[in-house]
PDB file of N, CA and C in Angstrom:
ATOM      1  N   MET A   1       1.017  -1.180   0.040  1.00  0.00           N
ATOM      2  CA  MET A   1      -0.399  -0.018   0.425  1.00  0.00           C
ATOM      3  C   MET A   1       0.458   1.409  -0.066  1.00  0.00           C
ATOM      4  N   VAL A   2       0.622   1.849  -1.161  1.00  0.00           N
ATOM      5  CA  VAL A   2       1.538   3.382  -1.227  1.00  0.00           C
ATOM      6  C   VAL A   2       0.485   4.542  -0.136  1.00  0.00           C
ATOM      7  N   ILE A   3       0.944   5.339   0.816  1.00  0.00           N
ATOM      8  CA  ILE A   3       0.635   6.256   1.258  1.00  0.00           C
ATOM      9  C   ILE A   3       1.137   7.412   1.166  1.00  0.00           C
ATOM     10  N   LYS A   4       0.178   8.600   0.486  1.00  0.00           N
ATOM     11  CA  LYS A   4       1.298   9.976  -0.023  1.00  0.00           C
ATOM     12  C   LYS A   4       1.106  11.323   1.409  1.00  0.00           C
ATOM     13  N   PHE A   5       2.360  11.437   1.439  1.00  0.00           N
ATOM     14  CA  PHE A   5       2.143  12.714   2.754  1.00  0.00           C
ATOM     15  C   PHE A   5       2.520  14.266   2.450  1.00  0.00           C
ATOM     16  N   SER A   6       2.080  14.541   2.124  1.00  0.00           N
ATOM     17  CA  SER A   6       2.612  16.253   1.899  1.00  0.00           C
ATOM     18  C   SER A   6       3.058  17.077   4.131  1.00  0.00           C
ATOM     19  N   LEU A   7       4.190  17.569   3.053  1.00  0.00           N
ATOM     20  CA  LEU A   7       4.737  18.585   3.907  1.00  0.00           C
ATOM     21  C   LEU A   7       4.342  19.810   4.254  1.00  0.00           C
ATOM     22  N   GLU A   8       3.329  20.183   3.233  1.00  0.00           N
ATOM     23  CA  GLU A   8       2.750  21.575   2.998  1.00  0.00           C
ATOM     24  C   GLU A   8       2.757  22.393   4.370  1.00  0.00           C
ATOM     25  N   MET A   9       1.641  21.590   4.950  1.00  0.00           N
ATOM     26  CA  MET A   9       1.662  21.956   6.664  1.00  0.00           C
ATOM     27  C   MET A   9       1.893  22.585   7.158  1.00  0.00           C
ATOM     28  N   LEU A  10       3.616  21.710   6.924  1.00  0.00           N
ATOM     29  CA  LEU A  10       4.767  21.585   8.290  1.00  0.00           C
ATOM     30  C   LEU A  10       5.156  23.352   7.936  1.00  0.00           C
ATOM     31  N   GLU A  11       5.389  24.060   8.751  1.00  0.00           N
ATOM     32  CA  GLU A  11       6.328  24.964   8.408  1.00  0.00           C
ATOM     33  C   GLU A  11       7.776  24.993   8.126  1.00  0.00           C
ATOM     34  N   THR A  12       8.607  23.514   8.954  1.00  0.00           N
ATOM     35  CA  THR A  12       9.846  23.102   9.077  1.00  0.00           C
ATOM     36  C   THR A  12      10.062  22.539   7.784  1.00  0.00           C
ATOM     37  N   GLY A  13       9.287  21.118   6.788  1.00  0.00           N
ATOM     38  CA  GLY A  13       9.695  21.371   5.979  1.00  0.00           C
ATOM     39  C   GLY A  13      10.481  19.750   5.922  1.00  0.00           C
ATOM     40  N   TYR A  14      10.049  19.632   7.592  1.00  0.00           N
ATOM     41  CA  TYR A  14      10.743  17.934   8.213  1.00  0.00           C
ATOM     42  C   TYR A  14       9.154  17.144   8.777  1.00  0.00           C
ATOM     43  N   ILE A  15       9.557  16.048   8.184  1.00  0.00           N
ATOM     44  CA  ILE A  15       8.624  15.564  10.237  1.00  0.00           C
ATOM     45  C   ILE A  15       9.499  14.460  10.437  1.00  0.00           C
ATOM     46  N   GLU A  16       9.716  14.073  11.807  1.00  0.00           N
ATOM     47  CA  GLU A  16      10.664  12.849  12.394  1.00  0.00           C
ATOM     48  C   GLU A  16       9.521  11.806  12.387  1.00  0.00           C
ATOM     49  N   LEU A  17      10.789  10.908  11.875  1.00  0.00           N
ATOM     50  CA  LEU A  17      10.412   9.516  11.785  1.00  0.00           C
ATOM     51  C   LEU A  17       8.933   9.305  12.220  1.00  0.00           C
ATOM     52  N   VAL A  18       9.282   9.142  14.024  1.00  0.00           N
ATOM     53  CA  VAL A  18       8.451   8.878  14.916  1.00  0.00           C
ATOM     54  C   VAL A  18       7.376   9.362  14.192  1.00  0.00           C
ATOM     55  N   LYS A  19       7.361  10.305  14.386  1.00  0.00           N
ATOM     56  CA  LYS A  19       5.839  11.287  14.075  1.00  0.00           C
ATOM     57  C   LYS A  19       5.167  11.046  12.665  1.00  0.00           C
ATOM     58  N   LEU A  20       5.417  11.176  11.075  1.00  0.00           N
ATOM     59  CA  LEU A  20       5.589  10.595  10.278  1.00  0.00           C
ATOM     60  C   LEU A  20       4.007   9.145  11.010  1.00  0.00           C
ATOM     61  N   LEU A  21       5.000   8.348  11.115  1.00  0.00           N
ATOM     62  CA  LEU A  21       4.681   7.027  10.796  1.00  0.00           C
ATOM     63  C   LEU A  21       3.004   7.190  11.935  1.00  0.00           C
ATOM     64  N   LYS A  22       3.487   8.135  12.835  1.00  0.00           N
ATOM     65  CA  LYS A  22       1.895   8.297  13.888  1.00  0.00           C
ATOM     66  C   LYS A  22       0.551   8.654  12.568  1.00  0.00           C
ATOM     67  N   ALA A  23       1.305  10.302  12.496  1.00  0.00           N
ATOM     68  CA  ALA A  23       0.448  10.829  11.051  1.00  0.00           C
ATOM     69  C   ALA A  23      -0.206   9.915   9.892  1.00  0.00           C
ATOM     70  N   THR A  24       0.138   8.482   9.731  1.00  0.00           N
ATOM     71  CA  THR A  24      -0.303   8.322   8.861  1.00  0.00           C
ATOM     72  C   THR A  24      -0.949   7.450   9.188  1.00  0.00           C
ATOM     73  N   GLY A  25      -0.637   6.934  10.672  1.00  0.00           N
ATOM     74  CA  GLY A  25      -1.460   5.831  10.874  1.00  0.00           C
ATOM     75  C   GLY A  25      -1.255   4.459   9.897  1.00  0.00           C
ATOM     76  N   VAL A  26       0.115   4.236  10.189  1.00  0.00           N
ATOM     77  CA  VAL A  26       0.630   3.335  10.052  1.00  0.00           C
ATOM     78  C   VAL A  26       1.264   2.207  11.568  1.00  0.00           C
ATOM     79  N   CYS A  27       1.298   3.606  12.408  1.00  0.00           N
ATOM     80  CA  CYS A  27       1.393   2.997  13.471  1.00  0.00           C
ATOM     81  C   CYS A  27       0.017   3.382  14.703  1.00  0.00           C
ATOM     82  N   PRO A  28      -0.260   3.204  15.418  1.00  0.00           N
ATOM     83  CA  PRO A  28      -1.724   3.483  16.058  1.00  0.00           C
ATOM     84  C   PRO A  28      -0.849   4.329  17.047  1.00  0.00           C
ATOM     85  N   SER A  29       0.032   3.982  17.555  1.00  0.00           N
ATOM     86  CA  SER A  29       0.677   5.459  18.924  1.00  0.00           C
ATOM     87  C   SER A  29       1.903   5.150  18.255  1.00  0.00           C
ATOM     88  N   GLY A  30       2.478   6.369  19.282  1.00  0.00           N
ATOM     89  CA  GLY A  30       4.070   6.739  19.294  1.00  0.00           C
ATOM     90  C   GLY A  30       4.193   5.905  19.678  1.00  0.00           C
ATOM     91  N   GLY A  31       4.326   5.727  20.322  1.00  0.00           N
ATOM     92  CA  GLY A  31       4.547   4.398  21.589  1.00  0.00           C
ATOM     93  C   GLY A  31       5.096   3.040  20.602  1.00  0.00           C
ATOM     94  N   MET A  32       4.322   2.429  19.665  1.00  0.00           N
ATOM     95  CA  MET A  32       4.727   1.617  18.687  1.00  0.00           C
ATOM     96  C   MET A  32       5.730   1.543  17.660  1.00  0.00           C
ATOM     97  N   ALA A  33       4.904   3.226  17.062  1.00  0.00           N
ATOM     98  CA  ALA A  33       6.159   3.667  15.979  1.00  0.00           C
ATOM     99  C   ALA A  33       7.401   3.876  17.461  1.00  0.00           C
ATOM    100  N   LYS A  34       8.024   4.161  18.022  1.00  0.00           N
ATOM    101  CA  LYS A  34       9.373   4.163  18.678  1.00  0.00           C
ATOM    102  C   LYS A  34      10.117   2.264  18.545  1.00  0.00           C
ATOM    103  N   ILE A  35       8.855   1.645  19.414  1.00  0.00           N
ATOM    104  CA  ILE A  35       9.944   0.417  19.489  1.00  0.00           C
ATOM    105  C   ILE A  35       9.841  -0.521  18.049  1.00  0.00           C
ATOM    106  N   ALA A  36       9.424  -0.247  17.093  1.00  0.00           N
ATOM    107  CA  ALA A  36       9.615  -0.312  15.728  1.00  0.00           C
ATOM    108  C   ALA A  36      10.800   0.194  14.878  1.00  0.00           C
ATOM    109  N   ILE A  37      11.171   0.744  14.860  1.00  0.00           N
ATOM    110  CA  ILE A  37      12.138   1.946  15.265  1.00  0.00           C
ATOM    111  C   ILE A  37      13.455   0.705  15.677  1.00  0.00           C
ATOM    112  N   SER A  38      13.401   1.304  16.780  1.00  0.00           N
ATOM    113  CA  SER A  38      14.645   0.366  17.559  1.00  0.00           C
ATOM    114  C   SER A  38      14.713  -1.161  17.264  1.00  0.00           C
ATOM    115  N   GLU A  39      13.258  -1.559  16.629  1.00  0.00           N
ATOM    116  CA  GLU A  39      13.580  -3.051  16.304  1.00  0.00           C
ATOM    117  C   GLU A  39      14.592  -3.186  14.986  1.00  0.00           C
ATOM    118  N   GLY A  40      14.917  -2.398  14.231  1.00  0.00           N
ATOM    119  CA  GLY A  40      15.067  -1.884  12.702  1.00  0.00           C
ATOM    120  C   GLY A  40      13.941  -2.404  11.564  1.00  0.00           C
ATOM    121  N   LYS A  41      12.674  -2.292  12.037  1.00  0.00           N
ATOM    122  CA  LYS A  41      11.799  -2.802  11.307  1.00  0.00           C
ATOM    123  C   LYS A  41      10.921  -1.343  10.077  1.00  0.00           C
ATOM    124  N   VAL A  42      11.871  -0.206  10.124  1.00  0.00           N
ATOM    125  CA  VAL A  42      11.742   0.381   9.673  1.00  0.00           C
ATOM    126  C   VAL A  42      12.751   0.671   8.706  1.00  0.00           C
ATOM    127  N   ARG A  43      12.732   1.399   6.976  1.00  0.00           N
ATOM    128  CA  ARG A  43      13.284   1.613   6.683  1.00  0.00           C
ATOM    129  C   ARG A  43      12.694   3.054   6.000  1.00  0.00           C
ATOM    130  N   VAL A  44      14.288   3.982   6.064  1.00  0.00           N
ATOM    131  CA  VAL A  44      14.122   4.904   4.565  1.00  0.00           C
ATOM    132  C   VAL A  44      15.026   5.366   3.561  1.00  0.00           C
ATOM    133  N   ASP A  45      14.297   5.290   2.447  1.00  0.00           N
ATOM    134  CA  ASP A  45      14.794   4.964   1.604  1.00  0.00           C
ATOM    135  C   ASP A  45      15.900   3.784   1.134  1.00  0.00           C
ATOM    136  N   ARG A  46      15.349   2.551   1.600  1.00  0.00           N
ATOM    137  CA  ARG A  46      15.491   1.632   1.747  1.00  0.00           C
ATOM    138  C   ARG A  46      16.449   1.029   2.925  1.00  0.00           C
ATOM    139  N   LEU A  47      17.028   1.333   3.249  1.00  0.00           N
ATOM    140  CA  LEU A  47      18.100   1.853   4.606  1.00  0.00           C
ATOM    141  C   LEU A  47      17.221   1.550   6.156  1.00  0.00           C
ATOM    142  N   VAL A  48      17.164   0.321   6.614  1.00  0.00           N
ATOM    143  CA  VAL A  48      16.899   0.441   7.769  1.00  0.00           C
ATOM    144  C   VAL A  48      17.364   1.581   8.702  1.00  0.00           C
ATOM    145  N   GLU A  49      16.634   2.238   9.327  1.00  0.00           N
ATOM    146  CA  GLU A  49      17.066   3.591  10.068  1.00  0.00           C
ATOM    147  C   GLU A  49      16.710   3.197  11.946  1.00  0.00           C
ATOM    148  N   LEU A  50      17.259   3.812  12.638  1.00  0.00           N
ATOM    149  CA  LEU A  50      17.603   2.775  14.322  1.00  0.00           C
ATOM    150  C   LEU A  50      17.207   4.669  14.771  1.00  0.00           C
ATOM    151  N   ARG A  51      17.237   5.719  14.103  1.00  0.00           N
ATOM    152  CA  ARG A  51      16.687   6.568  14.685  1.00  0.00           C
ATOM    153  C   ARG A  51      15.432   7.121  15.029  1.00  0.00           C
ATOM    154  N   LYS A  52      14.883   7.518  16.274  1.00  0.00           N
ATOM    155  CA  LYS A  52      13.660   7.717  16.263  1.00  0.00           C
ATOM    156  C   LYS A  52      13.173   9.596  15.504  1.00  0.00           C
ATOM    157  N   GLY A  53      14.285  10.271  15.781  1.00  0.00           N
ATOM    158  CA  GLY A  53      13.940  11.633  15.409  1.00  0.00           C
ATOM    159  C   GLY A  53      15.068  11.560  14.106  1.00  0.00           C
ATOM    160  N   ARG A  54      14.759  11.189  13.116  1.00  0.00           N
ATOM    161  CA  ARG A  54      14.762  10.941  11.818  1.00  0.00           C
ATOM    162  C   ARG A  54      14.838  12.283  11.173  1.00  0.00           C
ATOM    163  N   LYS A  55      15.030  13.563  10.708  1.00  0.00           N
ATOM    164  CA  LYS A  55      14.316  14.199   9.835  1.00  0.00           C
ATOM    165  C   LYS A  55      14.005  13.213   8.284  1.00  0.00           C
ATOM    166  N   ILE A  56      12.189  13.383   8.503  1.00  0.00           N
ATOM    167  CA  ILE A  56      12.213  12.853   7.076  1.00  0.00           C
ATOM    168  C   ILE A  56      11.991  14.156   5.798  1.00  0.00           C
ATOM    169  N   ARG A  57      12.043  14.435   4.482  1.00  0.00           N
ATOM    170  CA  ARG A  57      11.955  15.324   4.403  1.00  0.00           C
ATOM    171  C   ARG A  57      11.830  15.046   2.706  1.00  0.00           C
ATOM    172  N   ARG A  58      10.898  16.333   1.462  1.00  0.00           N
ATOM    173  CA  ARG A  58      10.445  16.094   0.751  1.00  0.00           C
ATOM    174  C   ARG A  58      11.062  14.744  -0.162  1.00  0.00           C
ATOM    175  N   GLY A  59      10.616  14.072  -0.943  1.00  0.00           N
ATOM    176  CA  GLY A  59      11.098  12.748  -1.265  1.00  0.00           C
ATOM    177  C   GLY A  59      11.911  11.366  -1.402  1.00  0.00           C
ATOM    178  N   GLN A  60      11.283  11.664  -0.035  1.00  0.00           N
ATOM    179  CA  GLN A  60      12.122  10.068   0.698  1.00  0.00           C
ATOM    180  C   GLN A  60      10.806   9.586   1.185  1.00  0.00           C
ATOM    181  N   LYS A  61      11.596   8.210   1.510  1.00  0.00           N
ATOM    182  CA  LYS A  61      10.417   6.979   0.864  1.00  0.00           C
ATOM    183  C   LYS A  61      10.776   6.266   2.364  1.00  0.00           C
ATOM    184  N   VAL A  62       9.114   5.675   3.293  1.00  0.00           N
ATOM    185  CA  VAL A  62       9.422   4.939   4.254  1.00  0.00           C
ATOM    186  C   VAL A  62       8.778   3.974   3.940  1.00  0.00           C
ATOM    187  N   GLU A  63       9.821   3.038   4.111  1.00  0.00           N
ATOM    188  CA  GLU A  63       9.038   1.420   4.472  1.00  0.00           C
ATOM    189  C   GLU A  63       8.789   0.558   6.455  1.00  0.00           C
ATOM    190  N   PHE A  64       7.247   0.412   5.686  1.00  0.00           N
ATOM    191  CA  PHE A  64       7.251  -0.513   7.190  1.00  0.00           C
ATOM    192  C   PHE A  64       5.530  -0.949   7.229  1.00  0.00           C
ATOM    193  N   LYS A  65       5.845  -2.489   7.513  1.00  0.00           N
ATOM    194  CA  LYS A  65       5.252  -3.574   7.090  1.00  0.00           C
ATOM    195  C   LYS A  65       4.632  -3.873   6.270  1.00  0.00           C
ATOM    196  N   GLY A  66       4.986  -3.453   5.159  1.00  0.00           N
ATOM    197  CA  GLY A  66       3.948  -3.835   3.641  1.00  0.00           C
ATOM    198  C   GLY A  66       3.343  -2.961   2.924  1.00  0.00           C
ATOM    199  N   SER A  67       3.692  -1.226   3.906  1.00  0.00           N
ATOM    200  CA  SER A  67       3.173   0.070   3.587  1.00  0.00           C
ATOM    201  C   SER A  67       4.604   1.046   3.030  1.00  0.00           C
ATOM    202  N   MET A  68       3.948   1.555   1.848  1.00  0.00           N
ATOM    203  CA  MET A  68       5.727   2.783   1.897  1.00  0.00           C
ATOM    204  C   MET A  68       4.916   4.421   1.449  1.00  0.00           C
ATOM    205  N   ILE A  69       5.791   4.738   2.491  1.00  0.00           N
ATOM    206  CA  ILE A  69       4.943   6.137   2.790  1.00  0.00           C
ATOM    207  C   ILE A  69       5.440   6.651   2.047  1.00  0.00           C
ATOM    208  N   GLU A  70       4.926   7.689   1.266  1.00  0.00           N
ATOM    209  CA  GLU A  70       5.559   8.583   0.134  1.00  0.00           C
ATOM    210  C   GLU A  70       6.103   9.975   0.490  1.00  0.00           C
ATOM    211  N   VAL A  71       6.695  10.904   0.807  1.00  0.00           N
ATOM    212  CA  VAL A  71       6.459  11.778   1.179  1.00  0.00           C
ATOM    213  C   VAL A  71       6.570  13.090   0.259  1.00  0.00           C
ATOM    214  N   GLU A  72       5.796  13.842   0.690  1.00  0.00           N
ATOM    215  CA  GLU A  72       6.177  15.211  -1.124  1.00  0.00           C
ATOM    216  C   GLU A  72       5.674  16.362  -0.644  1.00  0.00           C
TER     217      GLU A  72
END
């Protein structure tokens, strides 16, 4: 499943990885998102990402449990 996420509403131009997983509904809570990241189950641009506060910007793709989040 592909999920598109727009950064237009955010003033910073980025969103932290843990917040993105929660905002898109891929993880039902921030706590579950933190656990998934720390267990190496989340990929950013095809590479395993272990940093919960990783800044995700336009053009990046996040993968988790069969879902692909495309940040626009």
